[in-house]
Amino acid sequence: MCQYYGNSLRCTSGHRADVYDDVGIPSKCSDNLSWHANVYAFFTFFISLICVLSAKIQEEIGHVIGRHRSPCMQDRSRMPYMNAVLHEIQRYIDLIPVNLPHAVTRDIKFRNYVIPKGTNVLISLTSVLRDDKEFPNPETFDPAHFLDDNGNFKKSDYFMVFSAGKRICVGESLARMELFLFLTSILQNFTLKPVVGIKDLDTTPVASGFGHIPPPYKICFVPL
């Protein structure tokens, strides 16, 4: 996959050669896998702590998918609660608080400020994901942030975990697909329980470099 991705990008003009060489491409793929691993870890962490999440999701899985087939992407539109939980976990953990810098290609005026060509601009994703006008009680983990009054999934323009603008993460669609299929499969077959008492666990994400990682924890996968 990395080789195919690299060959495709090398055929496109305007890219830095060092970014898409035999070192740069595996590095980018490794970053992508690391992002997935952290989201998976946060998901299993929260599911093991909040029993009502696991019960509701498994009820939804039983109603839509059952136990005799694997989940598919067509199931997602029929599983609003699972979709809401996935979105809320990504919003709450704020995995990458600040997007990578991007340079302005020309002088531009924004809200009475002139940004000169070549200026590096950083997007604060945290300020959007924790906006209390869109997400009531943003510091609280609550899947209802992505559910309407009828329990249907509610999209939000403030959901910017994959960055914003034209330079949004190219792997967004793949990441969304993998998160849904992988994590739905886990709860279809297992109930997750913490090894230690819930009161002994801290759900606060740990700052690490440019991102957040889950605190150390152990959970037990109990077969259904």
N, C-alpha and C. Protein backbone atom coordinates (compact mmCIF):
# COMPACT_ATOMS: atom_id res chain seq x y z
N MET A 1 0.83 -1.20 0.00
CA MET A 1 0.00 0.00 0.00
C MET A 1 0.86 1.25 0.00
N CYS A 2 1.93 1.27 0.82
CA CYS A 2 2.80 2.43 0.89
C CYS A 2 3.50 2.68 -0.45
N GLN A 3 3.94 1.58 -1.10
CA GLN A 3 4.62 1.72 -2.39
C GLN A 3 3.68 2.28 -3.45
N TYR A 4 2.45 1.78 -3.48
CA TYR A 4 1.47 2.27 -4.45
C TYR A 4 1.17 3.74 -4.21
N TYR A 5 1.01 4.10 -2.95
CA TYR A 5 0.71 5.49 -2.60
C TYR A 5 1.85 6.40 -3.02
N GLY A 6 3.07 5.96 -2.76
CA GLY A 6 4.22 6.77 -3.12
C GLY A 6 4.38 6.95 -4.61
N ASN A 7 4.20 5.86 -5.36
CA ASN A 7 4.32 5.95 -6.81
C ASN A 7 3.28 6.89 -7.40
N SER A 8 2.08 6.87 -6.84
CA SER A 8 1.02 7.75 -7.34
C SER A 8 1.36 9.22 -7.10
N LEU A 9 1.90 9.52 -5.92
CA LEU A 9 2.23 10.90 -5.59
C LEU A 9 3.43 11.40 -6.37
N ARG A 10 4.37 10.52 -6.68
CA ARG A 10 5.54 10.94 -7.44
C ARG A 10 5.17 11.37 -8.85
N CYS A 11 4.07 10.84 -9.33
CA CYS A 11 3.61 11.18 -10.68
C CYS A 11 2.86 12.52 -10.70
N THR A 12 2.64 13.10 -9.54
CA THR A 12 1.92 14.36 -9.44
C THR A 12 2.91 15.49 -9.23
N SER A 13 2.83 16.52 -10.03
CA SER A 13 3.77 17.63 -9.94
C SER A 13 3.48 18.48 -8.72
N GLY A 14 4.50 19.20 -8.25
CA GLY A 14 4.29 20.17 -7.18
C GLY A 14 4.51 19.63 -5.79
N HIS A 15 5.00 18.37 -5.65
CA HIS A 15 5.23 17.81 -4.32
C HIS A 15 6.72 17.77 -4.03
N ARG A 16 7.08 17.96 -2.77
CA ARG A 16 8.48 17.86 -2.36
C ARG A 16 8.93 16.41 -2.47
N ALA A 17 10.08 16.21 -3.11
CA ALA A 17 10.57 14.85 -3.35
C ALA A 17 10.92 14.13 -2.05
N ASP A 18 11.45 14.89 -1.07
CA ASP A 18 11.88 14.24 0.17
C ASP A 18 10.71 13.75 1.00
N VAL A 19 9.53 14.36 0.82
CA VAL A 19 8.35 13.94 1.56
C VAL A 19 7.81 12.63 1.02
N TYR A 20 7.94 12.42 -0.27
CA TYR A 20 7.34 11.25 -0.91
C TYR A 20 8.39 10.28 -1.43
N ASP A 21 9.57 10.24 -0.79
CA ASP A 21 10.58 9.27 -1.18
C ASP A 21 10.39 7.99 -0.38
N ASP A 22 11.37 7.08 -0.47
CA ASP A 22 11.24 5.78 0.18
C ASP A 22 11.29 5.87 1.71
N VAL A 23 11.69 7.02 2.23
CA VAL A 23 11.69 7.23 3.67
C VAL A 23 10.43 7.96 4.11
N GLY A 24 10.05 8.96 3.34
CA GLY A 24 8.91 9.79 3.70
C GLY A 24 7.59 9.05 3.69
N ILE A 25 7.39 8.20 2.67
CA ILE A 25 6.12 7.49 2.55
C ILE A 25 5.88 6.52 3.72
N PRO A 26 6.84 5.63 4.04
CA PRO A 26 6.61 4.76 5.21
C PRO A 26 6.39 5.55 6.49
N SER A 27 7.06 6.70 6.60
CA SER A 27 6.87 7.53 7.79
C SER A 27 5.44 8.03 7.88
N LYS A 28 4.88 8.46 6.74
CA LYS A 28 3.50 8.93 6.73
C LYS A 28 2.53 7.80 7.07
N CYS A 29 2.78 6.62 6.52
CA CYS A 29 1.92 5.47 6.81
C CYS A 29 2.01 5.10 8.29
N SER A 30 3.23 5.21 8.84
CA SER A 30 3.40 4.92 10.27
C SER A 30 2.63 5.91 11.12
N ASP A 31 2.65 7.19 10.72
CA ASP A 31 1.88 8.20 11.46
C ASP A 31 0.40 7.88 11.43
N ASN A 32 -0.08 7.41 10.28
CA ASN A 32 -1.50 7.07 10.14
C ASN A 32 -1.88 5.92 11.06
N LEU A 33 -1.01 4.90 11.10
CA LEU A 33 -1.27 3.75 11.97
C LEU A 33 -1.23 4.15 13.44
N SER A 34 -0.32 5.05 13.78
CA SER A 34 -0.23 5.53 15.16
C SER A 34 -1.50 6.27 15.56
N TRP A 35 -2.05 7.07 14.65
CA TRP A 35 -3.29 7.79 14.94
C TRP A 35 -4.41 6.81 15.21
N HIS A 36 -4.53 5.78 14.35
CA HIS A 36 -5.57 4.77 14.53
C HIS A 36 -5.41 4.07 15.88
N ALA A 37 -4.17 3.71 16.20
CA ALA A 37 -3.92 2.97 17.44
C ALA A 37 -4.37 3.77 18.66
N ASN A 38 -4.11 5.07 18.66
CA ASN A 38 -4.51 5.90 19.79
C ASN A 38 -6.02 6.03 19.90
N VAL A 39 -6.71 6.18 18.77
CA VAL A 39 -8.18 6.26 18.80
C VAL A 39 -8.76 4.93 19.28
N TYR A 40 -8.23 3.80 18.77
CA TYR A 40 -8.70 2.49 19.22
C TYR A 40 -8.52 2.36 20.73
N ALA A 41 -7.35 2.80 21.22
CA ALA A 41 -7.06 2.68 22.65
C ALA A 41 -8.03 3.52 23.47
N PHE A 42 -8.29 4.73 23.03
CA PHE A 42 -9.25 5.59 23.74
C PHE A 42 -10.65 4.97 23.72
N PHE A 43 -11.04 4.41 22.58
CA PHE A 43 -12.37 3.83 22.46
C PHE A 43 -12.55 2.69 23.45
N THR A 44 -11.62 1.73 23.46
CA THR A 44 -11.74 0.59 24.37
C THR A 44 -11.67 1.06 25.83
N PHE A 45 -10.91 2.11 26.07
CA PHE A 45 -10.79 2.66 27.43
C PHE A 45 -12.14 3.19 27.91
N PHE A 46 -12.78 4.02 27.10
CA PHE A 46 -14.07 4.61 27.50
C PHE A 46 -15.17 3.56 27.57
N ILE A 47 -15.19 2.64 26.62
CA ILE A 47 -16.22 1.60 26.61
C ILE A 47 -16.13 0.73 27.86
N SER A 48 -14.90 0.44 28.29
CA SER A 48 -14.73 -0.40 29.48
C SER A 48 -15.16 0.34 30.75
N LEU A 49 -15.05 1.67 30.74
CA LEU A 49 -15.40 2.46 31.93
C LEU A 49 -16.88 2.74 32.03
N ILE A 50 -17.50 3.02 30.89
CA ILE A 50 -18.90 3.45 30.89
C ILE A 50 -19.76 2.30 30.39
N CYS A 51 -20.29 1.51 31.30
CA CYS A 51 -21.02 0.29 30.94
C CYS A 51 -22.23 0.57 30.06
N VAL A 52 -22.88 1.72 30.27
CA VAL A 52 -24.09 2.01 29.50
C VAL A 52 -23.75 2.18 28.02
N LEU A 53 -22.55 2.66 27.71
CA LEU A 53 -22.13 2.79 26.31
C LEU A 53 -22.07 1.43 25.65
N SER A 54 -21.39 0.50 26.32
CA SER A 54 -21.25 -0.85 25.78
C SER A 54 -22.61 -1.51 25.59
N ALA A 55 -23.48 -1.38 26.57
CA ALA A 55 -24.79 -2.02 26.50
C ALA A 55 -25.63 -1.46 25.35
N LYS A 56 -25.63 -0.14 25.19
CA LYS A 56 -26.42 0.48 24.13
C LYS A 56 -25.89 0.12 22.75
N ILE A 57 -24.57 0.14 22.61
CA ILE A 57 -23.97 -0.20 21.32
C ILE A 57 -24.24 -1.65 20.96
N GLN A 58 -24.08 -2.55 21.94
CA GLN A 58 -24.31 -3.96 21.67
C GLN A 58 -25.77 -4.24 21.36
N GLU A 59 -26.67 -3.50 21.97
CA GLU A 59 -28.09 -3.64 21.63
C GLU A 59 -28.33 -3.20 20.18
N GLU A 60 -27.68 -2.13 19.78
CA GLU A 60 -27.82 -1.63 18.41
C GLU A 60 -27.20 -2.61 17.42
N ILE A 61 -26.06 -3.18 17.78
CA ILE A 61 -25.42 -4.18 16.93
C ILE A 61 -26.33 -5.39 16.75
N GLY A 62 -26.92 -5.86 17.85
CA GLY A 62 -27.81 -7.02 17.78
C GLY A 62 -29.02 -6.76 16.91
N HIS A 63 -29.54 -5.55 16.95
CA HIS A 63 -30.72 -5.20 16.16
C HIS A 63 -30.40 -5.06 14.68
N VAL A 64 -29.26 -4.47 14.36
CA VAL A 64 -28.92 -4.16 12.96
C VAL A 64 -28.12 -5.27 12.29
N ILE A 65 -27.14 -5.82 13.01
CA ILE A 65 -26.20 -6.78 12.40
C ILE A 65 -26.43 -8.20 12.86
N GLY A 66 -26.65 -8.38 14.15
CA GLY A 66 -26.75 -9.72 14.69
C GLY A 66 -25.39 -10.30 15.00
N ARG A 67 -25.33 -11.61 15.18
CA ARG A 67 -24.09 -12.29 15.55
C ARG A 67 -23.53 -13.15 14.43
N HIS A 68 -24.23 -13.27 13.33
CA HIS A 68 -23.86 -14.27 12.33
C HIS A 68 -23.24 -13.69 11.07
N ARG A 69 -22.93 -12.41 11.06
CA ARG A 69 -22.20 -11.82 9.94
C ARG A 69 -21.35 -10.67 10.45
N SER A 70 -20.37 -10.29 9.67
CA SER A 70 -19.50 -9.18 10.04
C SER A 70 -20.15 -7.85 9.67
N PRO A 71 -19.81 -6.78 10.37
CA PRO A 71 -20.37 -5.47 10.02
C PRO A 71 -19.84 -4.99 8.67
N CYS A 72 -20.62 -4.16 8.00
CA CYS A 72 -20.21 -3.56 6.74
C CYS A 72 -20.57 -2.08 6.78
N MET A 73 -20.07 -1.32 5.82
CA MET A 73 -20.29 0.13 5.85
C MET A 73 -21.75 0.51 5.67
N GLN A 74 -22.53 -0.35 5.05
CA GLN A 74 -23.95 -0.07 4.88
C GLN A 74 -24.68 -0.04 6.23
N ASP A 75 -24.07 -0.65 7.25
CA ASP A 75 -24.70 -0.69 8.57
C ASP A 75 -24.60 0.64 9.31
N ARG A 76 -23.62 1.45 8.95
CA ARG A 76 -23.35 2.66 9.74
C ARG A 76 -24.54 3.62 9.77
N SER A 77 -25.22 3.78 8.65
CA SER A 77 -26.35 4.71 8.61
C SER A 77 -27.51 4.24 9.47
N ARG A 78 -27.51 2.96 9.83
CA ARG A 78 -28.58 2.39 10.66
C ARG A 78 -28.16 2.27 12.12
N MET A 79 -26.97 2.78 12.44
CA MET A 79 -26.45 2.68 13.81
C MET A 79 -26.07 4.08 14.32
N PRO A 80 -27.05 4.93 14.57
CA PRO A 80 -26.76 6.30 14.99
C PRO A 80 -26.01 6.41 16.31
N TYR A 81 -26.29 5.51 17.25
CA TYR A 81 -25.63 5.62 18.55
C TYR A 81 -24.15 5.27 18.45
N MET A 82 -23.83 4.21 17.74
CA MET A 82 -22.42 3.85 17.53
C MET A 82 -21.69 4.98 16.82
N ASN A 83 -22.33 5.55 15.82
CA ASN A 83 -21.73 6.65 15.07
C ASN A 83 -21.49 7.85 15.98
N ALA A 84 -22.46 8.13 16.85
CA ALA A 84 -22.32 9.26 17.78
C ALA A 84 -21.20 9.03 18.78
N VAL A 85 -21.08 7.81 19.29
CA VAL A 85 -20.01 7.49 20.24
C VAL A 85 -18.64 7.66 19.60
N LEU A 86 -18.49 7.17 18.37
CA LEU A 86 -17.22 7.31 17.66
C LEU A 86 -16.85 8.78 17.47
N HIS A 87 -17.83 9.59 17.09
CA HIS A 87 -17.56 11.01 16.90
C HIS A 87 -17.23 11.70 18.22
N GLU A 88 -17.97 11.37 19.27
CA GLU A 88 -17.76 12.03 20.56
C GLU A 88 -16.41 11.67 21.16
N ILE A 89 -15.97 10.43 21.00
CA ILE A 89 -14.66 10.05 21.50
C ILE A 89 -13.57 10.85 20.80
N GLN A 90 -13.68 10.98 19.48
CA GLN A 90 -12.67 11.75 18.74
C GLN A 90 -12.72 13.23 19.12
N ARG A 91 -13.91 13.74 19.35
CA ARG A 91 -14.02 15.15 19.76
C ARG A 91 -13.43 15.35 21.15
N TYR A 92 -13.79 14.48 22.07
CA TYR A 92 -13.40 14.64 23.47
C TYR A 92 -11.89 14.50 23.67
N ILE A 93 -11.27 13.52 23.03
CA ILE A 93 -9.85 13.29 23.26
C ILE A 93 -8.99 14.35 22.58
N ASP A 94 -9.52 15.00 21.54
CA ASP A 94 -8.78 16.09 20.88
C ASP A 94 -7.37 15.62 20.55
N LEU A 95 -7.29 14.56 19.74
CA LEU A 95 -6.04 13.85 19.51
C LEU A 95 -4.92 14.76 19.01
N ILE A 96 -5.23 15.61 18.05
CA ILE A 96 -4.25 16.56 17.52
C ILE A 96 -4.79 17.97 17.74
N PRO A 97 -4.43 18.62 18.86
CA PRO A 97 -5.02 19.92 19.20
C PRO A 97 -4.74 21.03 18.19
N VAL A 98 -3.54 21.01 17.60
CA VAL A 98 -3.16 22.05 16.65
C VAL A 98 -2.72 21.40 15.35
N ASN A 99 -3.29 21.84 14.25
CA ASN A 99 -2.94 21.28 12.96
C ASN A 99 -1.51 21.65 12.58
N LEU A 100 -0.94 20.93 11.63
CA LEU A 100 0.39 21.25 11.13
C LEU A 100 0.37 22.62 10.45
N PRO A 101 1.50 23.34 10.49
CA PRO A 101 1.52 24.68 9.88
C PRO A 101 1.40 24.62 8.36
N HIS A 102 0.70 25.59 7.82
CA HIS A 102 0.58 25.75 6.37
C HIS A 102 0.92 27.18 6.01
N ALA A 103 1.63 27.37 4.91
CA ALA A 103 2.06 28.70 4.50
C ALA A 103 1.04 29.35 3.59
N VAL A 104 0.85 30.65 3.78
CA VAL A 104 -0.05 31.42 2.92
C VAL A 104 0.63 31.64 1.57
N THR A 105 -0.07 31.34 0.48
CA THR A 105 0.53 31.41 -0.86
C THR A 105 0.50 32.81 -1.46
N ARG A 106 -0.27 33.70 -0.85
CA ARG A 106 -0.33 35.09 -1.32
C ARG A 106 -0.81 35.98 -0.18
N ASP A 107 -0.61 37.26 -0.32
CA ASP A 107 -1.13 38.19 0.68
C ASP A 107 -2.65 38.06 0.75
N ILE A 108 -3.18 37.99 1.95
CA ILE A 108 -4.62 37.82 2.10
C ILE A 108 -5.12 38.62 3.29
N LYS A 109 -6.30 39.18 3.18
CA LYS A 109 -6.91 39.94 4.26
C LYS A 109 -7.98 39.09 4.91
N PHE A 110 -7.88 38.93 6.23
CA PHE A 110 -8.83 38.11 6.98
C PHE A 110 -9.27 38.87 8.22
N ARG A 111 -10.55 39.23 8.27
CA ARG A 111 -11.11 39.96 9.42
C ARG A 111 -10.26 41.19 9.78
N ASN A 112 -10.00 41.99 8.77
CA ASN A 112 -9.26 43.25 8.92
C ASN A 112 -7.78 43.07 9.25
N TYR A 113 -7.30 41.82 9.19
CA TYR A 113 -5.88 41.56 9.37
C TYR A 113 -5.27 41.17 8.03
N VAL A 114 -4.10 41.70 7.72
CA VAL A 114 -3.40 41.34 6.50
C VAL A 114 -2.35 40.28 6.84
N ILE A 115 -2.48 39.12 6.21
CA ILE A 115 -1.53 38.02 6.41
C ILE A 115 -0.61 37.97 5.20
N PRO A 116 0.67 38.31 5.35
CA PRO A 116 1.59 38.36 4.21
C PRO A 116 1.87 36.98 3.62
N LYS A 117 2.19 36.97 2.35
CA LYS A 117 2.55 35.73 1.66
C LYS A 117 3.73 35.06 2.38
N GLY A 118 3.66 33.74 2.53
CA GLY A 118 4.72 32.98 3.18
C GLY A 118 4.55 32.81 4.68
N THR A 119 3.55 33.47 5.26
CA THR A 119 3.32 33.35 6.70
C THR A 119 2.80 31.95 7.06
N ASN A 120 3.39 31.34 8.07
CA ASN A 120 2.90 30.04 8.54
C ASN A 120 1.67 30.24 9.42
N VAL A 121 0.63 29.47 9.15
CA VAL A 121 -0.62 29.58 9.88
C VAL A 121 -0.94 28.25 10.56
N LEU A 122 -1.28 28.30 11.83
CA LEU A 122 -1.67 27.12 12.60
C LEU A 122 -3.16 27.20 12.92
N ILE A 123 -3.86 26.09 12.75
CA ILE A 123 -5.29 26.04 13.05
C ILE A 123 -5.48 25.39 14.41
N SER A 124 -6.14 26.09 15.32
CA SER A 124 -6.44 25.54 16.64
C SER A 124 -7.71 24.71 16.55
N LEU A 125 -7.55 23.40 16.44
CA LEU A 125 -8.71 22.51 16.34
C LEU A 125 -9.43 22.42 17.69
N THR A 126 -8.70 22.57 18.77
CA THR A 126 -9.30 22.51 20.10
C THR A 126 -10.38 23.56 20.29
N SER A 127 -10.13 24.76 19.79
CA SER A 127 -11.09 25.85 19.97
C SER A 127 -12.42 25.54 19.28
N VAL A 128 -12.38 24.70 18.26
CA VAL A 128 -13.60 24.31 17.55
C VAL A 128 -14.27 23.13 18.24
N LEU A 129 -13.48 22.13 18.59
CA LEU A 129 -14.02 20.92 19.21
C LEU A 129 -14.56 21.18 20.62
N ARG A 130 -14.10 22.24 21.27
CA ARG A 130 -14.55 22.56 22.62
C ARG A 130 -15.41 23.84 22.64
N ASP A 131 -16.03 24.18 21.53
CA ASP A 131 -16.89 25.36 21.46
C ASP A 131 -18.21 25.07 22.16
N ASP A 132 -18.48 25.77 23.25
CA ASP A 132 -19.69 25.46 24.03
C ASP A 132 -20.97 25.93 23.36
N LYS A 133 -20.87 26.71 22.29
CA LYS A 133 -22.08 27.08 21.55
C LYS A 133 -22.58 25.91 20.70
N GLU A 134 -21.67 25.06 20.28
CA GLU A 134 -22.03 23.89 19.49
C GLU A 134 -22.17 22.65 20.36
N PHE A 135 -21.30 22.52 21.35
CA PHE A 135 -21.28 21.34 22.23
C PHE A 135 -21.51 21.78 23.68
N PRO A 136 -22.74 21.70 24.18
CA PRO A 136 -23.01 22.05 25.58
C PRO A 136 -22.14 21.20 26.52
N ASN A 137 -21.54 21.84 27.51
CA ASN A 137 -20.63 21.14 28.43
C ASN A 137 -19.54 20.40 27.66
N PRO A 138 -18.71 21.12 26.89
CA PRO A 138 -17.72 20.48 26.02
C PRO A 138 -16.67 19.67 26.75
N GLU A 139 -16.44 19.95 28.04
CA GLU A 139 -15.44 19.21 28.80
C GLU A 139 -15.98 17.87 29.29
N THR A 140 -17.26 17.60 29.02
CA THR A 140 -17.90 16.35 29.44
C THR A 140 -18.05 15.42 28.26
N PHE A 141 -17.75 14.15 28.47
CA PHE A 141 -17.94 13.15 27.42
C PHE A 141 -19.42 12.81 27.32
N ASP A 142 -20.03 13.10 26.16
CA ASP A 142 -21.47 12.89 26.01
C ASP A 142 -21.82 12.64 24.54
N PRO A 143 -22.15 11.39 24.18
CA PRO A 143 -22.52 11.08 22.79
C PRO A 143 -23.72 11.88 22.29
N ALA A 144 -24.52 12.44 23.22
CA ALA A 144 -25.68 13.24 22.82
C ALA A 144 -25.28 14.48 22.04
N HIS A 145 -24.01 14.85 22.08
CA HIS A 145 -23.53 15.97 21.27
C HIS A 145 -23.75 15.71 19.78
N PHE A 146 -23.88 14.44 19.41
CA PHE A 146 -24.05 14.08 18.00
C PHE A 146 -25.37 13.34 17.75
N LEU A 147 -26.34 13.57 18.61
CA LEU A 147 -27.66 12.97 18.45
C LEU A 147 -28.73 14.06 18.54
N ASP A 148 -29.77 13.94 17.69
CA ASP A 148 -30.86 14.91 17.80
C ASP A 148 -31.88 14.42 18.83
N ASP A 149 -32.97 15.14 18.95
CA ASP A 149 -33.98 14.80 19.97
C ASP A 149 -34.65 13.46 19.71
N ASN A 150 -34.58 12.97 18.47
CA ASN A 150 -35.20 11.68 18.12
C ASN A 150 -34.21 10.53 18.14
N GLY A 151 -32.97 10.80 18.58
CA GLY A 151 -31.97 9.75 18.64
C GLY A 151 -31.28 9.46 17.33
N ASN A 152 -31.49 10.32 16.33
CA ASN A 152 -30.82 10.16 15.05
C ASN A 152 -29.45 10.84 15.09
N PHE A 153 -28.52 10.33 14.27
CA PHE A 153 -27.19 10.93 14.24
C PHE A 153 -27.27 12.35 13.69
N LYS A 154 -26.55 13.25 14.33
CA LYS A 154 -26.56 14.66 13.95
C LYS A 154 -25.15 15.09 13.55
N LYS A 155 -24.97 15.47 12.30
CA LYS A 155 -23.67 15.95 11.84
C LYS A 155 -23.38 17.32 12.42
N SER A 156 -22.10 17.63 12.53
CA SER A 156 -21.70 18.95 13.02
C SER A 156 -20.54 19.47 12.19
N ASP A 157 -20.66 20.71 11.75
CA ASP A 157 -19.57 21.35 11.01
C ASP A 157 -18.38 21.63 11.91
N TYR A 158 -18.58 21.50 13.22
CA TYR A 158 -17.50 21.74 14.18
C TYR A 158 -16.64 20.49 14.41
N PHE A 159 -17.02 19.39 13.82
CA PHE A 159 -16.24 18.15 13.97
C PHE A 159 -15.05 18.22 13.01
N MET A 160 -13.91 18.68 13.52
CA MET A 160 -12.73 18.92 12.68
C MET A 160 -11.52 18.14 13.17
N VAL A 161 -11.69 16.91 13.53
CA VAL A 161 -10.56 16.12 14.04
C VAL A 161 -9.56 15.79 12.94
N PHE A 162 -9.98 15.89 11.68
CA PHE A 162 -9.09 15.60 10.55
C PHE A 162 -8.55 16.89 9.93
N SER A 163 -8.55 17.97 10.68
CA SER A 163 -8.11 19.29 10.23
C SER A 163 -9.22 19.97 9.44
N ALA A 164 -8.86 21.06 8.75
CA ALA A 164 -9.86 21.85 8.05
C ALA A 164 -9.26 22.44 6.78
N GLY A 165 -10.13 22.83 5.87
CA GLY A 165 -9.67 23.45 4.64
C GLY A 165 -9.26 22.47 3.57
N LYS A 166 -8.57 22.97 2.55
CA LYS A 166 -8.19 22.13 1.42
C LYS A 166 -7.11 21.11 1.77
N ARG A 167 -6.38 21.34 2.87
CA ARG A 167 -5.31 20.43 3.27
C ARG A 167 -5.77 19.47 4.35
N ILE A 168 -7.04 19.14 4.33
CA ILE A 168 -7.57 18.18 5.30
C ILE A 168 -6.92 16.82 5.09
N CYS A 169 -6.87 16.00 6.12
CA CYS A 169 -6.22 14.69 6.04
C CYS A 169 -6.76 13.86 4.87
N VAL A 170 -5.85 13.38 4.02
CA VAL A 170 -6.27 12.63 2.83
C VAL A 170 -6.81 11.25 3.21
N GLY A 171 -6.51 10.80 4.42
CA GLY A 171 -6.97 9.48 4.83
C GLY A 171 -8.25 9.50 5.64
N GLU A 172 -8.98 10.62 5.62
CA GLU A 172 -10.17 10.75 6.45
C GLU A 172 -11.20 9.66 6.17
N SER A 173 -11.54 9.45 4.90
CA SER A 173 -12.58 8.47 4.57
C SER A 173 -12.15 7.06 4.97
N LEU A 174 -10.86 6.74 4.78
CA LEU A 174 -10.35 5.43 5.17
C LEU A 174 -10.39 5.28 6.69
N ALA A 175 -10.01 6.33 7.40
CA ALA A 175 -10.01 6.28 8.86
C ALA A 175 -11.41 6.08 9.41
N ARG A 176 -12.38 6.81 8.87
CA ARG A 176 -13.76 6.66 9.33
C ARG A 176 -14.26 5.24 9.11
N MET A 177 -13.93 4.67 7.96
CA MET A 177 -14.36 3.32 7.64
C MET A 177 -13.73 2.30 8.59
N GLU A 178 -12.42 2.41 8.79
CA GLU A 178 -11.71 1.45 9.64
C GLU A 178 -12.19 1.54 11.09
N LEU A 179 -12.39 2.74 11.58
CA LEU A 179 -12.85 2.90 12.96
C LEU A 179 -14.19 2.22 13.18
N PHE A 180 -15.11 2.45 12.27
CA PHE A 180 -16.44 1.86 12.43
C PHE A 180 -16.39 0.34 12.36
N LEU A 181 -15.74 -0.21 11.33
CA LEU A 181 -15.73 -1.66 11.13
C LEU A 181 -14.97 -2.37 12.24
N PHE A 182 -13.81 -1.87 12.60
CA PHE A 182 -12.96 -2.54 13.58
C PHE A 182 -13.60 -2.51 14.97
N LEU A 183 -14.06 -1.35 15.39
CA LEU A 183 -14.58 -1.21 16.74
C LEU A 183 -15.97 -1.83 16.89
N THR A 184 -16.76 -1.81 15.83
CA THR A 184 -18.05 -2.51 15.87
C THR A 184 -17.83 -4.01 15.99
N SER A 185 -16.82 -4.52 15.29
CA SER A 185 -16.51 -5.95 15.36
C SER A 185 -16.10 -6.36 16.77
N ILE A 186 -15.35 -5.50 17.45
CA ILE A 186 -14.94 -5.80 18.82
C ILE A 186 -16.16 -5.96 19.73
N LEU A 187 -17.07 -4.98 19.68
CA LEU A 187 -18.22 -5.04 20.58
C LEU A 187 -19.27 -6.05 20.13
N GLN A 188 -19.16 -6.51 18.91
CA GLN A 188 -20.04 -7.58 18.46
C GLN A 188 -19.65 -8.91 19.12
N ASN A 189 -18.39 -9.01 19.51
CA ASN A 189 -17.89 -10.28 20.02
C ASN A 189 -17.41 -10.24 21.47
N PHE A 190 -17.22 -9.03 22.01
CA PHE A 190 -16.67 -8.94 23.37
C PHE A 190 -17.37 -7.84 24.17
N THR A 191 -17.37 -8.04 25.48
CA THR A 191 -17.70 -6.98 26.42
C THR A 191 -16.39 -6.56 27.09
N LEU A 192 -16.15 -5.26 27.17
CA LEU A 192 -14.90 -4.76 27.72
C LEU A 192 -15.09 -4.32 29.17
N LYS A 193 -14.20 -4.78 30.03
CA LYS A 193 -14.29 -4.44 31.45
C LYS A 193 -12.92 -4.02 31.97
N PRO A 194 -12.88 -3.01 32.85
CA PRO A 194 -11.60 -2.59 33.42
C PRO A 194 -11.08 -3.63 34.40
N VAL A 195 -9.75 -3.74 34.49
CA VAL A 195 -9.15 -4.69 35.42
C VAL A 195 -9.17 -4.14 36.84
N VAL A 196 -8.98 -2.83 36.99
CA VAL A 196 -9.02 -2.20 38.31
C VAL A 196 -10.33 -1.46 38.48
N GLY A 197 -10.58 -0.94 39.67
CA GLY A 197 -11.81 -0.21 39.93
C GLY A 197 -11.91 1.06 39.09
N ILE A 198 -13.12 1.38 38.68
CA ILE A 198 -13.34 2.55 37.83
C ILE A 198 -12.88 3.83 38.51
N LYS A 199 -13.06 3.92 39.82
CA LYS A 199 -12.67 5.13 40.54
C LYS A 199 -11.17 5.36 40.53
N ASP A 200 -10.41 4.29 40.24
CA ASP A 200 -8.95 4.40 40.24
C ASP A 200 -8.40 4.85 38.90
N LEU A 201 -9.26 5.05 37.89
CA LEU A 201 -8.81 5.39 36.55
C LEU A 201 -9.08 6.86 36.24
N ASP A 202 -8.14 7.46 35.54
CA ASP A 202 -8.27 8.86 35.13
C ASP A 202 -8.50 8.89 33.62
N THR A 203 -9.57 9.53 33.18
CA THR A 203 -9.91 9.56 31.75
C THR A 203 -9.26 10.73 31.02
N THR A 204 -8.50 11.54 31.73
CA THR A 204 -7.89 12.72 31.09
C THR A 204 -6.81 12.30 30.10
N PRO A 205 -6.90 12.72 28.83
CA PRO A 205 -5.86 12.40 27.86
C PRO A 205 -4.51 12.96 28.30
N VAL A 206 -3.44 12.25 27.96
CA VAL A 206 -2.09 12.66 28.33
C VAL A 206 -1.44 13.38 27.16
N ALA A 207 -0.91 14.58 27.41
CA ALA A 207 -0.25 15.34 26.35
C ALA A 207 1.07 14.67 26.01
N SER A 208 1.32 14.49 24.70
CA SER A 208 2.56 13.87 24.24
C SER A 208 2.96 14.51 22.91
N GLY A 209 3.93 15.42 22.97
CA GLY A 209 4.34 16.10 21.75
C GLY A 209 3.23 16.98 21.20
N PHE A 210 2.87 16.74 19.94
CA PHE A 210 1.82 17.52 19.30
C PHE A 210 0.42 16.97 19.56
N GLY A 211 0.34 15.82 20.22
CA GLY A 211 -0.96 15.19 20.37
C GLY A 211 -1.27 14.72 21.77
N HIS A 212 -2.38 14.00 21.88
CA HIS A 212 -2.82 13.41 23.14
C HIS A 212 -2.84 11.90 22.99
N ILE A 213 -2.46 11.21 24.04
CA ILE A 213 -2.51 9.75 24.06
C ILE A 213 -3.31 9.32 25.28
N PRO A 214 -3.85 8.09 25.26
CA PRO A 214 -4.62 7.63 26.43
C PRO A 214 -3.71 7.35 27.61
N PRO A 215 -4.22 7.51 28.83
CA PRO A 215 -3.42 7.15 30.01
C PRO A 215 -3.22 5.64 30.04
N PRO A 216 -2.18 5.16 30.70
CA PRO A 216 -1.96 3.70 30.79
C PRO A 216 -3.15 3.01 31.47
N TYR A 217 -3.55 1.88 30.93
CA TYR A 217 -4.68 1.16 31.52
C TYR A 217 -4.65 -0.30 31.05
N LYS A 218 -5.41 -1.13 31.76
CA LYS A 218 -5.58 -2.53 31.38
C LYS A 218 -7.07 -2.84 31.36
N ILE A 219 -7.50 -3.58 30.33
CA ILE A 219 -8.90 -3.99 30.25
C ILE A 219 -8.98 -5.47 29.93
N CYS A 220 -10.13 -6.02 30.19
CA CYS A 220 -10.37 -7.44 29.94
C CYS A 220 -11.42 -7.59 28.84
N PHE A 221 -11.11 -8.38 27.83
CA PHE A 221 -12.05 -8.68 26.75
C PHE A 221 -12.81 -9.96 27.11
N VAL A 222 -14.08 -9.81 27.43
CA VAL A 222 -14.91 -10.95 27.83
C VAL A 222 -15.74 -11.40 26.64
N PRO A 223 -15.52 -12.64 26.13
CA PRO A 223 -16.29 -13.11 24.97
C PRO A 223 -17.79 -13.16 25.26
N LEU A 224 -18.59 -12.80 24.28
CA LEU A 224 -20.04 -12.86 24.43
C LEU A 224 -20.54 -14.28 24.18
